[in-house]
């Protein structure tokens, strides 16, 4: 009763700096831009913890986890392995949840984090292998891991430069990390609010934020389908009137419903804070 109609909780909001001013009308940076840490070092640590502790808890049937998680040809293979064993691991952990609730919670949490991180890296890897033009902003592990070519890596971007990147990129990619809930990453709203084109891995609440499917950021669910979806979006006429009109409609929807100012006004009105 204290949340906006249709929402399970208060959705994320776009920062004010992305919700003001005219929409960008200049030339676009070709290809895909992505801003985010690789989490590769954390991913390897998480999988090491899981592969060492689960055999102690669940017995010999989990002994092969170490080799499964340490030896793989690519990150998509690793991601698929995590997905394949996820249900079995969680079922075994549920058996021990009464005696070891804290340990079970922790292991389930880091398993979910590992799945989320592997999905992120596998997605970028898939685009690199498909020869998509990439601009990757984040940590050096993107390059040292072999996932991203050196010429595609742009290092760390300053927060004040994000708007220019979002609105000038031909396509902005969002890959949610550790979104166990249905909450949409605020980055999606920031990009949409300044008129940038965004593709995101789907979260259920995206339909709540944008109930009209014709005025909604693009989404995907499968790593293997991502390159084809990206190629299709990049081949659209970015300078065409229809494309600009569509992005403007998404921007207007975001600015009028999902800005931080909009959220603040809603809280003030509904909680009689004036």
C-alpha atoms as a PDB file:
ATOM      1  CA  UNK A   1       0.000   0.000   0.000  1.00  0.00           C
ATOM      2  CA  UNK A   2       2.929   2.393   0.374  1.00  0.00           C
ATOM      3  CA  UNK A   3       4.515   1.692  -3.019  1.00  0.00           C
ATOM      4  CA  UNK A   4       3.618   2.799  -6.549  1.00  0.00           C
ATOM      5  CA  UNK A   5       0.878   0.753  -8.160  1.00  0.00           C
ATOM      6  CA  UNK A   6       2.277  -2.319  -9.895  1.00  0.00           C
ATOM      7  CA  UNK A   7       5.628  -2.316  -8.101  1.00  0.00           C
ATOM      8  CA  UNK A   8       6.835  -4.848  -5.557  1.00  0.00           C
ATOM      9  CA  UNK A   9       9.059  -2.121  -4.155  1.00  0.00           C
ATOM     10  CA  UNK A  10      10.239   1.325  -5.140  1.00  0.00           C
ATOM     11  CA  UNK A  11      12.126   0.865  -8.427  1.00  0.00           C
ATOM     12  CA  UNK A  12      15.493   2.537  -9.026  1.00  0.00           C
ATOM     13  CA  UNK A  13      15.525   6.097 -10.286  1.00  0.00           C
ATOM     14  CA  UNK A  14      17.504   8.031 -12.879  1.00  0.00           C
ATOM     15  CA  UNK A  15      19.992  10.578 -11.579  1.00  0.00           C
ATOM     16  CA  UNK A  16      19.024  14.196 -12.131  1.00  0.00           C
ATOM     17  CA  UNK A  17      22.051  14.903 -14.340  1.00  0.00           C
ATOM     18  CA  UNK A  18      20.668  12.518 -16.979  1.00  0.00           C
ATOM     19  CA  UNK A  19      17.154  13.979 -16.947  1.00  0.00           C
ATOM     20  CA  UNK A  20      17.775  17.570 -18.000  1.00  0.00           C
ATOM     21  CA  UNK A  21      18.619  19.331 -21.233  1.00  0.00           C
ATOM     22  CA  UNK A  22      17.988  18.592 -24.876  1.00  0.00           C
ATOM     23  CA  UNK A  23      18.667  15.151 -26.292  1.00  0.00           C
ATOM     24  CA  UNK A  24      21.907  14.677 -28.217  1.00  0.00           C
ATOM     25  CA  UNK A  25      21.603  15.072 -31.993  1.00  0.00           C
ATOM     26  CA  UNK A  26      25.228  14.664 -33.135  1.00  0.00           C
ATOM     27  CA  UNK A  27      27.282  11.843 -34.605  1.00  0.00           C
ATOM     28  CA  UNK A  28      27.412   8.552 -32.733  1.00  0.00           C
ATOM     29  CA  UNK A  29      30.338   6.427 -31.557  1.00  0.00           C
ATOM     30  CA  UNK A  30      29.976   3.246 -33.628  1.00  0.00           C
ATOM     31  CA  UNK A  31      29.491  -0.105 -31.943  1.00  0.00           C
ATOM     32  CA  UNK A  32      28.749  -1.087 -28.351  1.00  0.00           C
ATOM     33  CA  UNK A  33      29.807   0.747 -25.192  1.00  0.00           C
ATOM     34  CA  UNK A  34      29.891  -1.032 -21.841  1.00  0.00           C
ATOM     35  CA  UNK A  35      30.789   0.400 -18.439  1.00  0.00           C
ATOM     36  CA  UNK A  36      31.439  -2.101 -15.673  1.00  0.00           C
ATOM     37  CA  UNK A  37      34.019  -4.031 -13.694  1.00  0.00           C
ATOM     38  CA  UNK A  38      34.847  -7.531 -14.928  1.00  0.00           C
ATOM     39  CA  UNK A  39      34.626  -9.215 -11.504  1.00  0.00           C
ATOM     40  CA  UNK A  40      36.839 -11.968 -12.926  1.00  0.00           C
ATOM     41  CA  UNK A  41      39.163 -12.110  -9.905  1.00  0.00           C
ATOM     42  CA  UNK A  42      36.170 -12.212  -7.563  1.00  0.00           C
ATOM     43  CA  UNK A  43      34.535 -14.865  -9.737  1.00  0.00           C
ATOM     44  CA  UNK A  44      37.538 -17.178  -9.447  1.00  0.00           C
ATOM     45  CA  UNK A  45      37.690 -16.660  -5.674  1.00  0.00           C
ATOM     46  CA  UNK A  46      33.977 -17.405  -5.288  1.00  0.00           C
ATOM     47  CA  UNK A  47      34.219 -20.615  -7.291  1.00  0.00           C
ATOM     48  CA  UNK A  48      37.277 -21.689  -5.291  1.00  0.00           C
ATOM     49  CA  UNK A  49      35.355 -21.256  -2.040  1.00  0.00           C
ATOM     50  CA  UNK A  50      32.370 -23.206  -3.374  1.00  0.00           C
ATOM     51  CA  UNK A  51      34.492 -26.068  -4.764  1.00  0.00           C
ATOM     52  CA  UNK A  52      36.418 -26.419  -1.484  1.00  0.00           C
ATOM     53  CA  UNK A  53      33.522 -26.238   0.956  1.00  0.00           C
ATOM     54  CA  UNK A  54      30.781 -28.170  -0.842  1.00  0.00           C
ATOM     55  CA  UNK A  55      32.615 -31.548  -0.758  1.00  0.00           C
ATOM     56  CA  UNK A  56      32.932 -31.103   2.995  1.00  0.00           C
ATOM     57  CA  UNK A  57      29.199 -30.468   3.333  1.00  0.00           C
ATOM     58  CA  UNK A  58      27.745 -32.619   0.562  1.00  0.00           C
ATOM     59  CA  UNK A  59      30.256 -35.438   0.213  1.00  0.00           C
ATOM     60  CA  UNK A  60      32.147 -36.996  -2.666  1.00  0.00           C
ATOM     61  CA  UNK A  61      29.539 -36.161  -5.313  1.00  0.00           C
ATOM     62  CA  UNK A  62      30.871 -32.588  -5.332  1.00  0.00           C
ATOM     63  CA  UNK A  63      34.567 -33.511  -5.619  1.00  0.00           C
ATOM     64  CA  UNK A  64      34.639 -32.739  -9.337  1.00  0.00           C
ATOM     65  CA  UNK A  65      33.615 -29.106  -8.818  1.00  0.00           C
ATOM     66  CA  UNK A  66      37.217 -27.916  -8.526  1.00  0.00           C
ATOM     67  CA  UNK A  67      38.254 -29.177 -11.947  1.00  0.00           C
ATOM     68  CA  UNK A  68      34.916 -28.128 -13.429  1.00  0.00           C
ATOM     69  CA  UNK A  69      35.342 -24.550 -12.268  1.00  0.00           C
ATOM     70  CA  UNK A  70      39.105 -24.197 -12.857  1.00  0.00           C
ATOM     71  CA  UNK A  71      39.515 -25.740 -16.317  1.00  0.00           C
ATOM     72  CA  UNK A  72      37.357 -24.332 -19.084  1.00  0.00           C
ATOM     73  CA  UNK A  73      37.919 -23.152 -22.647  1.00  0.00           C
ATOM     74  CA  UNK A  74      35.849 -19.968 -22.424  1.00  0.00           C
ATOM     75  CA  UNK A  75      33.657 -18.078 -19.979  1.00  0.00           C
ATOM     76  CA  UNK A  76      30.444 -19.073 -21.717  1.00  0.00           C
ATOM     77  CA  UNK A  77      31.359 -22.697 -20.991  1.00  0.00           C
ATOM     78  CA  UNK A  78      32.012 -21.781 -17.354  1.00  0.00           C
ATOM     79  CA  UNK A  79      28.706 -19.911 -17.133  1.00  0.00           C
ATOM     80  CA  UNK A  80      26.781 -22.888 -18.543  1.00  0.00           C
ATOM     81  CA  UNK A  81      28.484 -25.213 -16.068  1.00  0.00           C
ATOM     82  CA  UNK A  82      27.456 -23.013 -13.148  1.00  0.00           C
ATOM     83  CA  UNK A  83      23.866 -22.952 -14.428  1.00  0.00           C
ATOM     84  CA  UNK A  84      23.859 -26.740 -14.880  1.00  0.00           C
ATOM     85  CA  UNK A  85      25.010 -27.530 -11.315  1.00  0.00           C
ATOM     86  CA  UNK A  86      23.110 -24.682  -9.650  1.00  0.00           C
ATOM     87  CA  UNK A  87      19.956 -26.631  -8.840  1.00  0.00           C
ATOM     88  CA  UNK A  88      21.814 -29.650  -7.488  1.00  0.00           C
ATOM     89  CA  UNK A  89      24.001 -27.506  -5.263  1.00  0.00           C
ATOM     90  CA  UNK A  90      21.048 -25.574  -3.882  1.00  0.00           C
ATOM     91  CA  UNK A  91      19.119 -28.776  -3.173  1.00  0.00           C
ATOM     92  CA  UNK A  92      22.071 -30.174  -1.228  1.00  0.00           C
ATOM     93  CA  UNK A  93      22.466 -26.917   0.681  1.00  0.00           C
ATOM     94  CA  UNK A  94      18.775 -26.930   1.604  1.00  0.00           C
ATOM     95  CA  UNK A  95      19.328 -30.230   3.416  1.00  0.00           C
ATOM     96  CA  UNK A  96      21.779 -28.505   5.756  1.00  0.00           C
ATOM     97  CA  UNK A  97      19.924 -25.210   6.129  1.00  0.00           C
ATOM     98  CA  UNK A  98      18.515 -26.001   9.586  1.00  0.00           C
ATOM     99  CA  UNK A  99      21.854 -26.996  11.136  1.00  0.00           C
ATOM    100  CA  UNK A 100      23.970 -24.430   9.301  1.00  0.00           C
ATOM    101  CA  UNK A 101      21.691 -21.549   8.248  1.00  0.00           C
ATOM    102  CA  UNK A 102      24.418 -18.908   8.060  1.00  0.00           C
ATOM    103  CA  UNK A 103      26.813 -21.100   6.078  1.00  0.00           C
ATOM    104  CA  UNK A 104      24.081 -22.177   3.668  1.00  0.00           C
ATOM    105  CA  UNK A 105      22.964 -18.602   3.121  1.00  0.00           C
ATOM    106  CA  UNK A 106      26.556 -17.523   2.449  1.00  0.00           C
ATOM    107  CA  UNK A 107      27.237 -20.330  -0.039  1.00  0.00           C
ATOM    108  CA  UNK A 108      23.993 -19.706  -1.921  1.00  0.00           C
ATOM    109  CA  UNK A 109      24.836 -16.022  -2.049  1.00  0.00           C
ATOM    110  CA  UNK A 110      28.314 -16.456  -3.503  1.00  0.00           C
ATOM    111  CA  UNK A 111      27.027 -19.085  -5.952  1.00  0.00           C
ATOM    112  CA  UNK A 112      24.525 -16.546  -7.235  1.00  0.00           C
ATOM    113  CA  UNK A 113      27.257 -13.915  -7.424  1.00  0.00           C
ATOM    114  CA  UNK A 114      29.449 -16.302  -9.403  1.00  0.00           C
ATOM    115  CA  UNK A 115      26.633 -17.041 -11.840  1.00  0.00           C
ATOM    116  CA  UNK A 116      25.975 -13.330 -12.279  1.00  0.00           C
ATOM    117  CA  UNK A 117      29.657 -12.530 -12.849  1.00  0.00           C
ATOM    118  CA  UNK A 118      30.130 -15.403 -15.301  1.00  0.00           C
ATOM    119  CA  UNK A 119      27.087 -14.224 -17.272  1.00  0.00           C
ATOM    120  CA  UNK A 120      28.573 -10.720 -17.485  1.00  0.00           C
ATOM    121  CA  UNK A 121      31.980 -11.882 -18.717  1.00  0.00           C
ATOM    122  CA  UNK A 122      30.502 -14.487 -21.088  1.00  0.00           C
ATOM    123  CA  UNK A 123      28.324 -11.799 -22.694  1.00  0.00           C
ATOM    124  CA  UNK A 124      31.272  -9.500 -23.439  1.00  0.00           C
ATOM    125  CA  UNK A 125      33.323 -12.479 -24.603  1.00  0.00           C
ATOM    126  CA  UNK A 126      30.553 -13.500 -27.025  1.00  0.00           C
ATOM    127  CA  UNK A 127      30.477 -10.019 -28.567  1.00  0.00           C
ATOM    128  CA  UNK A 128      34.272  -9.889 -28.889  1.00  0.00           C
ATOM    129  CA  UNK A 129      34.315 -13.262 -30.655  1.00  0.00           C
ATOM    130  CA  UNK A 130      31.570 -12.034 -32.995  1.00  0.00           C
ATOM    131  CA  UNK A 131      33.844  -9.109 -33.972  1.00  0.00           C
ATOM    132  CA  UNK A 132      31.443  -6.505 -32.638  1.00  0.00           C
ATOM    133  CA  UNK A 133      33.071  -3.093 -32.276  1.00  0.00           C
ATOM    134  CA  UNK A 134      33.449  -2.653 -28.503  1.00  0.00           C
ATOM    135  CA  UNK A 135      34.397   0.135 -26.104  1.00  0.00           C
ATOM    136  CA  UNK A 136      34.877  -1.424 -22.660  1.00  0.00           C
ATOM    137  CA  UNK A 137      35.376   0.731 -19.554  1.00  0.00           C
ATOM    138  CA  UNK A 138      36.488  -0.945 -16.328  1.00  0.00           C
ATOM    139  CA  UNK A 139      39.367  -2.870 -14.735  1.00  0.00           C
ATOM    140  CA  UNK A 140      42.459  -4.360 -16.378  1.00  0.00           C
ATOM    141  CA  UNK A 141      41.190  -7.939 -15.942  1.00  0.00           C
ATOM    142  CA  UNK A 142      39.081  -7.408 -19.055  1.00  0.00           C
ATOM    143  CA  UNK A 143      42.310  -7.463 -21.068  1.00  0.00           C
ATOM    144  CA  UNK A 144      44.590  -9.698 -18.970  1.00  0.00           C
ATOM    145  CA  UNK A 145      41.962 -12.467 -19.040  1.00  0.00           C
ATOM    146  CA  UNK A 146      41.944 -12.421 -22.821  1.00  0.00           C
ATOM    147  CA  UNK A 147      38.227 -11.567 -22.976  1.00  0.00           C
ATOM    148  CA  UNK A 148      38.643  -8.070 -24.442  1.00  0.00           C
ATOM    149  CA  UNK A 149      41.191  -7.060 -27.126  1.00  0.00           C
ATOM    150  CA  UNK A 150      43.549  -4.268 -26.072  1.00  0.00           C
ATOM    151  CA  UNK A 151      42.196  -1.871 -28.689  1.00  0.00           C
ATOM    152  CA  UNK A 152      38.675  -2.246 -27.249  1.00  0.00           C
ATOM    153  CA  UNK A 153      39.668  -1.474 -23.657  1.00  0.00           C
ATOM    154  CA  UNK A 154      39.288   2.168 -22.603  1.00  0.00           C
ATOM    155  CA  UNK A 155      40.158   1.960 -18.895  1.00  0.00           C
ATOM    156  CA  UNK A 156      38.214   3.646 -16.105  1.00  0.00           C
ATOM    157  CA  UNK A 157      35.750   6.372 -17.058  1.00  0.00           C
ATOM    158  CA  UNK A 158      35.026   9.322 -14.796  1.00  0.00           C
ATOM    159  CA  UNK A 159      31.480   9.710 -13.529  1.00  0.00           C
ATOM    160  CA  UNK A 160      31.167  13.192 -15.045  1.00  0.00           C
ATOM    161  CA  UNK A 161      31.856  11.700 -18.497  1.00  0.00           C
ATOM    162  CA  UNK A 162      29.102   9.088 -18.355  1.00  0.00           C
ATOM    163  CA  UNK A 163      26.343  11.193 -19.849  1.00  0.00           C
ATOM    164  CA  UNK A 164      28.403  12.035 -22.918  1.00  0.00           C
ATOM    165  CA  UNK A 165      29.233   8.373 -23.409  1.00  0.00           C
ATOM    166  CA  UNK A 166      25.644   7.206 -22.929  1.00  0.00           C
ATOM    167  CA  UNK A 167      24.096   9.670 -25.340  1.00  0.00           C
ATOM    168  CA  UNK A 168      26.819   9.491 -27.976  1.00  0.00           C
ATOM    169  CA  UNK A 169      27.182   5.694 -28.144  1.00  0.00           C
ATOM    170  CA  UNK A 170      25.431   3.871 -30.946  1.00  0.00           C
ATOM    171  CA  UNK A 171      24.409   1.202 -28.428  1.00  0.00           C
ATOM    172  CA  UNK A 172      24.941   1.019 -24.656  1.00  0.00           C
ATOM    173  CA  UNK A 173      25.019  -2.442 -23.093  1.00  0.00           C
ATOM    174  CA  UNK A 174      23.917  -3.073 -19.517  1.00  0.00           C
ATOM    175  CA  UNK A 175      24.739  -6.335 -17.777  1.00  0.00           C
ATOM    176  CA  UNK A 176      23.232  -6.607 -14.327  1.00  0.00           C
ATOM    177  CA  UNK A 177      25.507  -7.902 -11.587  1.00  0.00           C
ATOM    178  CA  UNK A 178      24.149  -9.660  -8.520  1.00  0.00           C
ATOM    179  CA  UNK A 179      20.572  -8.579  -9.212  1.00  0.00           C
ATOM    180  CA  UNK A 180      19.000 -11.452  -7.270  1.00  0.00           C
ATOM    181  CA  UNK A 181      15.782  -9.470  -7.178  1.00  0.00           C
ATOM    182  CA  UNK A 182      13.818  -8.168 -10.138  1.00  0.00           C
ATOM    183  CA  UNK A 183      15.159  -4.636  -9.684  1.00  0.00           C
ATOM    184  CA  UNK A 184      16.358  -2.954 -12.856  1.00  0.00           C
ATOM    185  CA  UNK A 185      19.856  -1.475 -12.759  1.00  0.00           C
ATOM    186  CA  UNK A 186      19.593   2.334 -12.390  1.00  0.00           C
ATOM    187  CA  UNK A 187      22.115   2.608 -15.241  1.00  0.00           C
ATOM    188  CA  UNK A 188      19.349   1.520 -17.646  1.00  0.00           C
ATOM    189  CA  UNK A 189      17.223   4.463 -16.538  1.00  0.00           C
ATOM    190  CA  UNK A 190      20.157   6.891 -16.685  1.00  0.00           C
ATOM    191  CA  UNK A 191      20.938   5.898 -20.277  1.00  0.00           C
ATOM    192  CA  UNK A 192      17.292   6.025 -21.309  1.00  0.00           C
ATOM    193  CA  UNK A 193      16.726   9.393 -19.620  1.00  0.00           C
ATOM    194  CA  UNK A 194      19.429  11.157 -21.635  1.00  0.00           C
ATOM    195  CA  UNK A 195      18.185   9.642 -24.889  1.00  0.00           C
ATOM    196  CA  UNK A 196      20.811   6.938 -25.250  1.00  0.00           C
ATOM    197  CA  UNK A 197      20.034   3.582 -26.811  1.00  0.00           C
ATOM    198  CA  UNK A 198      20.350   0.737 -24.318  1.00  0.00           C
ATOM    199  CA  UNK A 199      20.253  -3.050 -24.443  1.00  0.00           C
ATOM    200  CA  UNK A 200      19.970  -4.842 -21.094  1.00  0.00           C
ATOM    201  CA  UNK A 201      19.605  -8.362 -19.824  1.00  0.00           C
ATOM    202  CA  UNK A 202      15.959  -8.605 -18.851  1.00  0.00           C
ATOM    203  CA  UNK A 203      14.654  -8.171 -15.328  1.00  0.00           C
ATOM    204  CA  UNK A 204      10.942  -8.732 -14.522  1.00  0.00           C
ATOM    205  CA  UNK A 205      10.431  -5.198 -13.267  1.00  0.00           C
ATOM    206  CA  UNK A 206      11.388  -3.771 -16.655  1.00  0.00           C
ATOM    207  CA  UNK A 207       7.796  -4.454 -17.723  1.00  0.00           C
ATOM    208  CA  UNK A 208       6.540  -2.513 -14.697  1.00  0.00           C
ATOM    209  CA  UNK A 209       8.726   0.489 -15.378  1.00  0.00           C
ATOM    210  CA  UNK A 210       7.787   0.469 -19.067  1.00  0.00           C
ATOM    211  CA  UNK A 211       4.349  -1.191 -19.385  1.00  0.00           C
ATOM    212  CA  UNK A 212       4.061  -0.202 -23.060  1.00  0.00           C
ATOM    213  CA  UNK A 213       6.306  -2.661 -24.914  1.00  0.00           C
ATOM    214  CA  UNK A 214       6.734  -0.178 -27.777  1.00  0.00           C
ATOM    215  CA  UNK A 215       8.286   2.334 -25.377  1.00  0.00           C
ATOM    216  CA  UNK A 216      10.747   0.120 -23.536  1.00  0.00           C
ATOM    217  CA  UNK A 217      14.535  -0.391 -23.622  1.00  0.00           C
ATOM    218  CA  UNK A 218      15.587  -3.486 -25.568  1.00  0.00           C
ATOM    219  CA  UNK A 219      16.277  -6.655 -23.615  1.00  0.00           C
ATOM    220  CA  UNK A 220      17.857 -10.082 -24.023  1.00  0.00           C
ATOM    221  CA  UNK A 221      18.012 -13.283 -21.946  1.00  0.00           C
ATOM    222  CA  UNK A 222      20.454 -15.639 -23.683  1.00  0.00           C
ATOM    223  CA  UNK A 223      24.221 -15.119 -24.044  1.00  0.00           C
ATOM    224  CA  UNK A 224      24.255 -17.159 -27.254  1.00  0.00           C
ATOM    225  CA  UNK A 225      21.618 -14.917 -28.849  1.00  0.00           C
ATOM    226  CA  UNK A 226      23.297 -11.669 -27.790  1.00  0.00           C
ATOM    227  CA  UNK A 227      25.602 -11.194 -30.836  1.00  0.00           C
ATOM    228  CA  UNK A 228      22.711 -11.528 -33.304  1.00  0.00           C
ATOM    229  CA  UNK A 229      20.563  -9.106 -31.293  1.00  0.00           C
ATOM    230  CA  UNK A 230      23.410  -6.593 -31.125  1.00  0.00           C
ATOM    231  CA  UNK A 231      24.145  -6.861 -34.857  1.00  0.00           C
ATOM    232  CA  UNK A 232      20.461  -6.262 -35.564  1.00  0.00           C
ATOM    233  CA  UNK A 233      20.314  -3.180 -33.330  1.00  0.00           C
ATOM    234  CA  UNK A 234      23.546  -1.755 -34.761  1.00  0.00           C
ATOM    235  CA  UNK A 235      22.290  -2.180 -38.304  1.00  0.00           C
ATOM    236  CA  UNK A 236      19.182  -0.113 -37.586  1.00  0.00           C
ATOM    237  CA  UNK A 237      19.228   3.403 -38.977  1.00  0.00           C
ATOM    238  CA  UNK A 238      20.395   5.291 -35.874  1.00  0.00           C
ATOM    239  CA  UNK A 239      20.023   8.636 -37.629  1.00  0.00           C
ATOM    240  CA  UNK A 240      16.537   7.862 -38.940  1.00  0.00           C
ATOM    241  CA  UNK A 241      13.507   9.803 -37.768  1.00  0.00           C
ATOM    242  CA  UNK A 242      11.742   6.677 -36.476  1.00  0.00           C
ATOM    243  CA  UNK A 243      14.730   5.640 -34.381  1.00  0.00           C
ATOM    244  CA  UNK A 244      15.131   9.118 -32.883  1.00  0.00           C
ATOM    245  CA  UNK A 245      11.407   9.347 -32.189  1.00  0.00           C
ATOM    246  CA  UNK A 246      11.504   5.983 -30.401  1.00  0.00           C
ATOM    247  CA  UNK A 247      14.452   6.975 -28.207  1.00  0.00           C
ATOM    248  CA  UNK A 248      12.802  10.314 -27.429  1.00  0.00           C
ATOM    249  CA  UNK A 249       9.616   8.518 -26.334  1.00  0.00           C
ATOM    250  CA  UNK A 250      11.610   6.259 -24.001  1.00  0.00           C
ATOM    251  CA  UNK A 251      13.481   9.277 -22.641  1.00  0.00           C
ATOM    252  CA  UNK A 252      10.258  11.178 -21.989  1.00  0.00           C
ATOM    253  CA  UNK A 253       8.724   8.175 -20.237  1.00  0.00           C
ATOM    254  CA  UNK A 254      11.817   7.822 -18.062  1.00  0.00           C
ATOM    255  CA  UNK A 255      12.055  11.504 -17.212  1.00  0.00           C
ATOM    256  CA  UNK A 256       8.378  11.827 -16.359  1.00  0.00           C
ATOM    257  CA  UNK A 257       8.060   8.627 -14.305  1.00  0.00           C
ATOM    258  CA  UNK A 258      11.451   7.414 -13.111  1.00  0.00           C
ATOM    259  CA  UNK A 259      13.679  10.346 -12.221  1.00  0.00           C
ATOM    260  CA  UNK A 260      15.010  10.831  -8.697  1.00  0.00           C
ATOM    261  CA  UNK A 261      12.977  14.042  -8.531  1.00  0.00           C
ATOM    262  CA  UNK A 262       9.867  12.069  -9.482  1.00  0.00           C
ATOM    263  CA  UNK A 263      10.596   9.527  -6.717  1.00  0.00           C
ATOM    264  CA  UNK A 264      11.216  12.273  -4.163  1.00  0.00           C
ATOM    265  CA  UNK A 265       7.941  14.023  -5.006  1.00  0.00           C
ATOM    266  CA  UNK A 266       6.079  10.717  -4.764  1.00  0.00           C
ATOM    267  CA  UNK A 267       7.531  10.048  -1.276  1.00  0.00           C
ATOM    268  CA  UNK A 268       6.708  13.567  -0.093  1.00  0.00           C
ATOM    269  CA  UNK A 269       3.112  13.359  -1.331  1.00  0.00           C
ATOM    270  CA  UNK A 270       2.391   9.829  -0.118  1.00  0.00           C
ATOM    271  CA  UNK A 271       3.982  10.242   3.302  1.00  0.00           C
ATOM    272  CA  UNK A 272       2.683  13.800   3.863  1.00  0.00           C
ATOM    273  CA  UNK A 273       6.165  15.177   4.367  1.00  0.00           C
ATOM    274  CA  UNK A 274       5.367  18.709   3.238  1.00  0.00           C
END
